[in-house]
C-alpha atoms as a PDB file:
ATOM      1  CA  MET A   1      14.336  30.362 -10.376  1.00  0.00           C
ATOM      2  CA  ARG A   2      14.264  27.485 -12.866  1.00  0.00           C
ATOM      3  CA  PHE A   3      17.140  25.153 -13.605  1.00  0.00           C
ATOM      4  CA  GLY A   4      18.099  24.244 -17.167  1.00  0.00           C
ATOM      5  CA  GLY A   5      20.373  22.050 -19.232  1.00  0.00           C
ATOM      6  CA  PRO A   6      20.701  18.290 -18.843  1.00  0.00           C
ATOM      7  CA  PRO A   7      19.753  16.775 -15.463  1.00  0.00           C
ATOM      8  CA  PRO A   8      22.748  16.821 -13.062  1.00  0.00           C
ATOM      9  CA  PRO A   9      24.857  13.790 -14.055  1.00  0.00           C
ATOM     10  CA  ARG A  10      26.173  13.161 -10.537  1.00  0.00           C
ATOM     11  CA  ILE A  11      22.775  13.061  -8.880  1.00  0.00           C
ATOM     12  CA  SER A  12      22.822   9.277  -9.128  1.00  0.00           C
ATOM     13  CA  PHE A  13      25.608   9.255  -6.523  1.00  0.00           C
ATOM     14  CA  LEU A  14      23.047  10.311  -3.908  1.00  0.00           C
ATOM     15  CA  TYR A  15      22.279   6.706  -3.127  1.00  0.00           C
ATOM     16  CA  LYS A  16      20.037   7.398  -0.129  1.00  0.00           C
ATOM     17  CA  LEU A  17      17.601   9.711  -1.916  1.00  0.00           C
ATOM     18  CA  GLU A  18      13.991   8.734  -1.384  1.00  0.00           C
ATOM     19  CA  PHE A  19      12.315  11.781  -2.946  1.00  0.00           C
ATOM     20  CA  LEU A  20      13.475  13.585  -6.108  1.00  0.00           C
ATOM     21  CA  ASN A  21      11.449  16.463  -7.511  1.00  0.00           C
ATOM     22  CA  LEU A  22      12.843  18.323 -10.543  1.00  0.00           C
ATOM     23  CA  GLN A  23       9.506  19.266 -12.071  1.00  0.00           C
ATOM     24  CA  SER A  24       8.693  22.601 -13.746  1.00  0.00           C
ATOM     25  CA  ASN A  25      12.211  23.497 -14.823  1.00  0.00           C
ATOM     26  CA  HIS A  26      14.016  23.755 -18.167  1.00  0.00           C
ATOM     27  CA  PHE A  27      15.880  20.460 -18.118  1.00  0.00           C
ATOM     28  CA  THR A  28      16.679  19.122 -21.570  1.00  0.00           C
ATOM     29  CA  GLY A  29      18.193  15.996 -23.093  1.00  0.00           C
ATOM     30  CA  LEU A  30      17.713  12.428 -21.966  1.00  0.00           C
ATOM     31  CA  ILE A  31      16.507  11.053 -18.653  1.00  0.00           C
ATOM     32  CA  PRO A  32      19.698   9.629 -17.104  1.00  0.00           C
ATOM     33  CA  SER A  33      19.587   5.841 -16.964  1.00  0.00           C
ATOM     34  CA  SER A  34      21.815   6.112 -13.885  1.00  0.00           C
ATOM     35  CA  LEU A  35      18.734   7.179 -11.889  1.00  0.00           C
ATOM     36  CA  GLY A  36      18.065   3.465 -11.692  1.00  0.00           C
ATOM     37  CA  ASN A  37      21.000   3.231  -9.274  1.00  0.00           C
ATOM     38  CA  ILE A  38      19.251   5.281  -6.568  1.00  0.00           C
ATOM     39  CA  THR A  39      17.820   2.167  -5.022  1.00  0.00           C
ATOM     40  CA  GLN A  40      15.964   3.919  -2.161  1.00  0.00           C
ATOM     41  CA  LEU A  41      14.019   6.223  -4.467  1.00  0.00           C
ATOM     42  CA  GLU A  42      10.260   6.169  -3.860  1.00  0.00           C
ATOM     43  CA  TYR A  43       9.075   9.375  -5.560  1.00  0.00           C
ATOM     44  CA  LEU A  44      10.416  10.642  -8.900  1.00  0.00           C
ATOM     45  CA  TYR A  45       8.958  13.789 -10.461  1.00  0.00           C
ATOM     46  CA  LEU A  46      10.463  15.010 -13.743  1.00  0.00           C
ATOM     47  CA  ASP A  47       7.312  16.451 -15.278  1.00  0.00           C
ATOM     48  CA  ASP A  48       7.007  19.824 -17.015  1.00  0.00           C
ATOM     49  CA  ASN A  49      10.491  20.017 -18.515  1.00  0.00           C
ATOM     50  CA  GLN A  50      11.878  19.562 -22.021  1.00  0.00           C
ATOM     51  CA  LEU A  51      13.255  16.058 -21.652  1.00  0.00           C
ATOM     52  CA  GLU A  52      13.323  13.934 -24.788  1.00  0.00           C
ATOM     53  CA  GLY A  53      14.186  10.463 -26.001  1.00  0.00           C
ATOM     54  CA  SER A  54      12.920   7.249 -24.484  1.00  0.00           C
ATOM     55  CA  ILE A  55      12.071   6.335 -20.894  1.00  0.00           C
ATOM     56  CA  PRO A  56      15.042   4.368 -19.519  1.00  0.00           C
ATOM     57  CA  THR A  57      14.321   0.733 -18.728  1.00  0.00           C
ATOM     58  CA  GLU A  58      16.595   1.161 -15.698  1.00  0.00           C
ATOM     59  CA  LEU A  59      13.832   3.040 -13.860  1.00  0.00           C
ATOM     60  CA  GLY A  60      12.192  -0.338 -13.465  1.00  0.00           C
ATOM     61  CA  GLN A  61      15.070  -1.318 -11.171  1.00  0.00           C
ATOM     62  CA  LEU A  62      13.803   1.053  -8.486  1.00  0.00           C
ATOM     63  CA  ALA A  63      12.227  -1.591  -6.284  1.00  0.00           C
ATOM     64  CA  LYS A  64      10.673   0.943  -3.889  1.00  0.00           C
ATOM     65  CA  LEU A  65       9.314   3.345  -6.516  1.00  0.00           C
ATOM     66  CA  PHE A  66       5.845   4.468  -5.487  1.00  0.00           C
ATOM     67  CA  GLN A  67       5.123   7.447  -7.758  1.00  0.00           C
ATOM     68  CA  LEU A  68       6.534   8.209 -11.218  1.00  0.00           C
ATOM     69  CA  SER A  69       5.601  11.435 -12.974  1.00  0.00           C
ATOM     70  CA  LEU A  70       7.126  12.216 -16.383  1.00  0.00           C
ATOM     71  CA  GLY A  71       4.346  14.292 -17.947  1.00  0.00           C
ATOM     72  CA  LYS A  72       4.674  17.400 -20.115  1.00  0.00           C
ATOM     73  CA  ASN A  73       7.993  16.575 -21.751  1.00  0.00           C
ATOM     74  CA  LYS A  74       9.036  15.483 -25.250  1.00  0.00           C
ATOM     75  CA  LEU A  75       9.447  11.791 -24.556  1.00  0.00           C
ATOM     76  CA  SER A  76       8.893   9.238 -27.311  1.00  0.00           C
ATOM     77  CA  GLY A  77       8.896   5.466 -27.746  1.00  0.00           C
ATOM     78  CA  ILE A  78       7.146   3.176 -25.260  1.00  0.00           C
ATOM     79  CA  ILE A  79       6.750   2.718 -21.536  1.00  0.00           C
ATOM     80  CA  PRO A  80       9.299  -0.018 -20.739  1.00  0.00           C
ATOM     81  CA  THR A  81       7.972  -3.355 -19.598  1.00  0.00           C
ATOM     82  CA  THR A  82      10.166  -3.075 -16.506  1.00  0.00           C
ATOM     83  CA  ILE A  83       8.007  -0.159 -15.359  1.00  0.00           C
ATOM     84  CA  LEU A  84       4.679  -1.713 -16.330  1.00  0.00           C
ATOM     85  CA  ASN A  85       5.607  -4.744 -14.223  1.00  0.00           C
ATOM     86  CA  HIS A  86       6.453  -2.593 -11.195  1.00  0.00           C
ATOM     87  CA  SER A  87       3.933  -3.827  -8.646  1.00  0.00           C
ATOM     88  CA  SER A  88       4.628  -1.079  -6.065  1.00  0.00           C
ATOM     89  CA  LEU A  89       3.618   1.829  -8.358  1.00  0.00           C
ATOM     90  CA  SER A  90       0.585   3.782  -7.182  1.00  0.00           C
ATOM     91  CA  ILE A  91       0.859   6.723  -9.607  1.00  0.00           C
ATOM     92  CA  LEU A  92       2.045   6.496 -13.221  1.00  0.00           C
ATOM     93  CA  ASP A  93       1.728   9.794 -15.078  1.00  0.00           C
ATOM     94  CA  VAL A  94       3.294  10.289 -18.524  1.00  0.00           C
ATOM     95  CA  ASN A  95       0.765  12.747 -19.941  1.00  0.00           C
ATOM     96  CA  THR A  96       1.528  15.131 -22.813  1.00  0.00           C
ATOM     97  CA  ASN A  97       4.430  13.412 -24.542  1.00  0.00           C
ATOM     98  CA  SER A  98       4.738  11.501 -27.819  1.00  0.00           C
ATOM     99  CA  LEU A  99       4.643   7.973 -26.426  1.00  0.00           C
ATOM    100  CA  ARG A 100       3.251   5.403 -28.838  1.00  0.00           C
ATOM    101  CA  MET A 101       2.224   1.838 -27.946  1.00  0.00           C
ATOM    102  CA  ALA A 102      -0.665  -0.491 -27.229  1.00  0.00           C
ATOM    103  CA  LEU A 103      -1.170  -1.186 -23.551  1.00  0.00           C
ATOM    104  CA  PRO A 104      -0.438  -4.754 -22.426  1.00  0.00           C
ATOM    105  CA  SER A 105      -3.594  -6.743 -21.741  1.00  0.00           C
ATOM    106  CA  THR A 106      -2.233  -7.564 -18.263  1.00  0.00           C
ATOM    107  CA  ILE A 107      -1.449  -4.008 -17.134  1.00  0.00           C
ATOM    108  CA  GLY A 108      -4.081  -4.067 -14.385  1.00  0.00           C
ATOM    109  CA  ASN A 109      -2.590  -7.281 -13.007  1.00  0.00           C
ATOM    110  CA  THR A 110       1.059  -6.218 -13.099  1.00  0.00           C
ATOM    111  CA  LEU A 111       0.237  -2.850 -11.457  1.00  0.00           C
ATOM    112  CA  PRO A 112      -2.061  -4.078  -8.664  1.00  0.00           C
ATOM    113  CA  ASN A 113      -1.476  -1.049  -6.399  1.00  0.00           C
ATOM    114  CA  LEU A 114      -2.213   1.561  -9.057  1.00  0.00           C
ATOM    115  CA  GLN A 115      -4.283   4.519  -7.837  1.00  0.00           C
ATOM    116  CA  ALA A 116      -3.869   7.024 -10.695  1.00  0.00           C
ATOM    117  CA  LEU A 117      -3.014   6.463 -14.364  1.00  0.00           C
ATOM    118  CA  GLY A 118      -2.313   9.454 -16.605  1.00  0.00           C
ATOM    119  CA  LEU A 119      -1.605   8.603 -20.249  1.00  0.00           C
ATOM    120  CA  ASN A 120      -3.494  11.488 -21.838  1.00  0.00           C
ATOM    121  CA  ASN A 121      -2.201  13.545 -24.763  1.00  0.00           C
ATOM    122  CA  ASN A 122       0.037  10.918 -26.300  1.00  0.00           C
ATOM    123  CA  LYS A 123      -0.229   8.466 -29.206  1.00  0.00           C
ATOM    124  CA  PHE A 124      -1.356   5.317 -27.423  1.00  0.00           C
ATOM    125  CA  HIS A 125      -3.467   2.964 -29.526  1.00  0.00           C
ATOM    126  CA  GLY A 126      -5.235  -0.382 -29.386  1.00  0.00           C
ATOM    127  CA  GLN A 127      -7.966  -1.350 -26.962  1.00  0.00           C
ATOM    128  CA  ILE A 128      -8.349  -0.349 -23.327  1.00  0.00           C
ATOM    129  CA  PRO A 129      -7.399  -3.520 -21.417  1.00  0.00           C
ATOM    130  CA  ALA A 130     -10.165  -5.113 -19.382  1.00  0.00           C
ATOM    131  CA  SER A 131      -7.598  -5.749 -16.641  1.00  0.00           C
ATOM    132  CA  LEU A 132      -7.708  -2.033 -15.740  1.00  0.00           C
ATOM    133  CA  GLY A 133     -10.758  -2.969 -13.736  1.00  0.00           C
ATOM    134  CA  ASN A 134      -8.620  -5.052 -11.358  1.00  0.00           C
ATOM    135  CA  PRO A 135      -6.489  -2.650  -9.226  1.00  0.00           C
ATOM    136  CA  PRO A 136      -8.763  -2.241  -6.190  1.00  0.00           C
ATOM    137  CA  TYR A 137      -7.797   1.359  -5.338  1.00  0.00           C
ATOM    138  CA  LEU A 138      -7.605   2.819  -8.850  1.00  0.00           C
ATOM    139  CA  SER A 139      -9.447   6.139  -8.666  1.00  0.00           C
ATOM    140  CA  ILE A 140      -8.210   8.250 -11.605  1.00  0.00           C
ATOM    141  CA  ILE A 141      -7.947   7.103 -15.233  1.00  0.00           C
ATOM    142  CA  GLN A 142      -7.019   9.694 -17.850  1.00  0.00           C
ATOM    143  CA  LEU A 143      -6.621   8.236 -21.345  1.00  0.00           C
ATOM    144  CA  ASN A 144      -7.986  11.144 -23.353  1.00  0.00           C
ATOM    145  CA  SER A 145      -6.464  12.529 -26.547  1.00  0.00           C
ATOM    146  CA  ASN A 146      -4.980   9.297 -27.860  1.00  0.00           C
ATOM    147  CA  TYR A 147      -5.940   6.731 -30.507  1.00  0.00           C
ATOM    148  CA  PHE A 148      -7.647   4.063 -28.392  1.00  0.00           C
ATOM    149  CA  THR A 149     -10.176   1.969 -30.290  1.00  0.00           C
ATOM    150  CA  GLY A 150     -12.760  -0.710 -29.585  1.00  0.00           C
ATOM    151  CA  PRO A 151     -15.239  -0.943 -26.726  1.00  0.00           C
ATOM    152  CA  ILE A 152     -14.960   0.555 -23.254  1.00  0.00           C
ATOM    153  CA  PRO A 153     -14.548  -2.435 -20.927  1.00  0.00           C
ATOM    154  CA  SER A 154     -17.382  -3.110 -18.507  1.00  0.00           C
ATOM    155  CA  SER A 155     -14.777  -4.283 -15.988  1.00  0.00           C
ATOM    156  CA  LEU A 156     -14.162  -0.620 -15.093  1.00  0.00           C
ATOM    157  CA  GLY A 157     -17.377  -0.917 -13.118  1.00  0.00           C
ATOM    158  CA  ASN A 158     -15.421  -3.016 -10.609  1.00  0.00           C
ATOM    159  CA  LEU A 159     -13.486   0.061  -9.476  1.00  0.00           C
ATOM    160  CA  SER A 160     -15.338   1.042  -6.316  1.00  0.00           C
ATOM    161  CA  TYR A 161     -12.977   3.998  -5.684  1.00  0.00           C
ATOM    162  CA  LEU A 162     -13.147   5.407  -9.218  1.00  0.00           C
ATOM    163  CA  ARG A 163     -13.579   9.203  -9.175  1.00  0.00           C
ATOM    164  CA  LYS A 164     -12.435  10.317 -12.643  1.00  0.00           C
ATOM    165  CA  LEU A 165     -12.750   8.435 -15.921  1.00  0.00           C
ATOM    166  CA  ILE A 166     -11.624  10.638 -18.790  1.00  0.00           C
ATOM    167  CA  LEU A 167     -11.672   8.914 -22.188  1.00  0.00           C
ATOM    168  CA  ASP A 168     -12.578  11.724 -24.584  1.00  0.00           C
ATOM    169  CA  GLN A 169     -10.930  12.360 -27.971  1.00  0.00           C
ATOM    170  CA  ASN A 170     -10.199   8.772 -28.922  1.00  0.00           C
ATOM    171  CA  LYS A 171     -11.814   6.330 -31.356  1.00  0.00           C
ATOM    172  CA  LEU A 172     -13.745   4.264 -28.817  1.00  0.00           C
ATOM    173  CA  GLN A 173     -16.862   2.555 -30.082  1.00  0.00           C
ATOM    174  CA  ALA A 174     -20.328   1.639 -28.847  1.00  0.00           C
ATOM    175  CA  ASN A 175     -23.174   0.815 -31.232  1.00  0.00           C
ATOM    176  CA  ASP A 176     -25.243  -1.964 -29.683  1.00  0.00           C
ATOM    177  CA  THR A 177     -26.519  -3.247 -26.342  1.00  0.00           C
ATOM    178  CA  LYS A 178     -23.366  -5.250 -25.646  1.00  0.00           C
ATOM    179  CA  SER A 179     -20.948  -2.376 -26.255  1.00  0.00           C
ATOM    180  CA  TRP A 180     -23.026  -0.003 -24.096  1.00  0.00           C
ATOM    181  CA  GLU A 181     -22.891  -2.333 -21.083  1.00  0.00           C
ATOM    182  CA  PHE A 182     -19.968  -0.347 -19.644  1.00  0.00           C
ATOM    183  CA  LEU A 183     -22.353   2.498 -18.788  1.00  0.00           C
ATOM    184  CA  ASP A 184     -24.581   0.218 -16.733  1.00  0.00           C
ATOM    185  CA  ALA A 185     -21.473  -1.210 -15.042  1.00  0.00           C
ATOM    186  CA  LEU A 186     -20.285   2.269 -14.045  1.00  0.00           C
ATOM    187  CA  SER A 187     -23.416   2.665 -11.927  1.00  0.00           C
ATOM    188  CA  ASN A 188     -21.491   0.569  -9.385  1.00  0.00           C
ATOM    189  CA  CYS A 189     -18.898   3.353  -9.055  1.00  0.00           C
ATOM    190  CA  SER A 190     -20.653   5.437  -6.420  1.00  0.00           C
ATOM    191  CA  ASP A 191     -17.685   7.829  -6.016  1.00  0.00           C
ATOM    192  CA  LEU A 192     -17.529   8.715  -9.725  1.00  0.00           C
ATOM    193  CA  GLN A 193     -17.404  12.508 -10.134  1.00  0.00           C
ATOM    194  CA  VAL A 194     -16.110  13.032 -13.684  1.00  0.00           C
ATOM    195  CA  LEU A 195     -17.020  10.979 -16.758  1.00  0.00           C
ATOM    196  CA  SER A 196     -15.874  12.368 -20.105  1.00  0.00           C
ATOM    197  CA  LEU A 197     -16.567  10.471 -23.338  1.00  0.00           C
ATOM    198  CA  TYR A 198     -16.914  13.197 -25.962  1.00  0.00           C
ATOM    199  CA  ASP A 199     -15.363  13.002 -29.429  1.00  0.00           C
ATOM    200  CA  ASN A 200     -15.392   9.226 -29.807  1.00  0.00           C
ATOM    201  CA  GLN A 201     -17.446   6.935 -32.041  1.00  0.00           C
ATOM    202  CA  LEU A 202     -20.315   6.222 -29.654  1.00  0.00           C
ATOM    203  CA  GLN A 203     -23.759   5.883 -31.226  1.00  0.00           C
ATOM    204  CA  GLY A 204     -27.173   4.475 -30.617  1.00  0.00           C
ATOM    205  CA  ALA A 205     -29.471   4.798 -27.635  1.00  0.00           C
ATOM    206  CA  ILE A 206     -28.011   5.613 -24.229  1.00  0.00           C
ATOM    207  CA  PRO A 207     -29.124   2.859 -21.814  1.00  0.00           C
ATOM    208  CA  ASN A 208     -31.882   3.815 -19.356  1.00  0.00           C
END
C-alpha cells in the first residue's frame, strides 16, 4: 500500500520523532516547513515521491539531523544554506530533481562529517569545489548528469575512504598535465571501486 496526497500536516506535532521514513509513496505538494519543529529528528527520508517546490530552509533547524534523503521528486530551486552548513549531516541525497545552483566553495568544510553526497540528475553547475576533499570519511560522491564545468580537483585524492566517484555526463575538462593531476591523486584512494568519467570534455594523454 502506498500513501498519497500532501504529507500529513499534523506530523510535526510528533515532537519526539527521531526517524521519519515516507519514501516510495505518492505524496505530492510541498515539503512542510513545519518538519523543522521536530527537533529530535535524526533521519528524514522523503525520496521517491512527487513532492515539488523548494526545499524548506527550516530543515536546517534540525540540530540532530544525520541523514537527509529527498531524491526522486520534483523539487526545484537550491539547497538552502542552512542545510549546507549542517555539520552533523553524514548523508545528503537529493538526486533526480530539478535543483539548480553552484556548490559553495566551502561545502567540504561546512559538512565535515559527510559520508555520502548524491546530487546526480539535477541541474547543478559551476566547478566541483576543492573542499570536497576535506571530509575525512566521505566515501560516495555522485555528481553525474549535471552541468559541472572546469577541472576535477586533485584534492579528492585526500579521501582515503572513497569508494565511488561518479562524475559522468557533465562538462568537466582536462587537456594538459595540470588538469590531469586528479587521476594521479586518486591513486591514493586504495578503496576506490567505481570511477565513472564518461561523457565529459576530457582529452589528451591519460597519465601513466
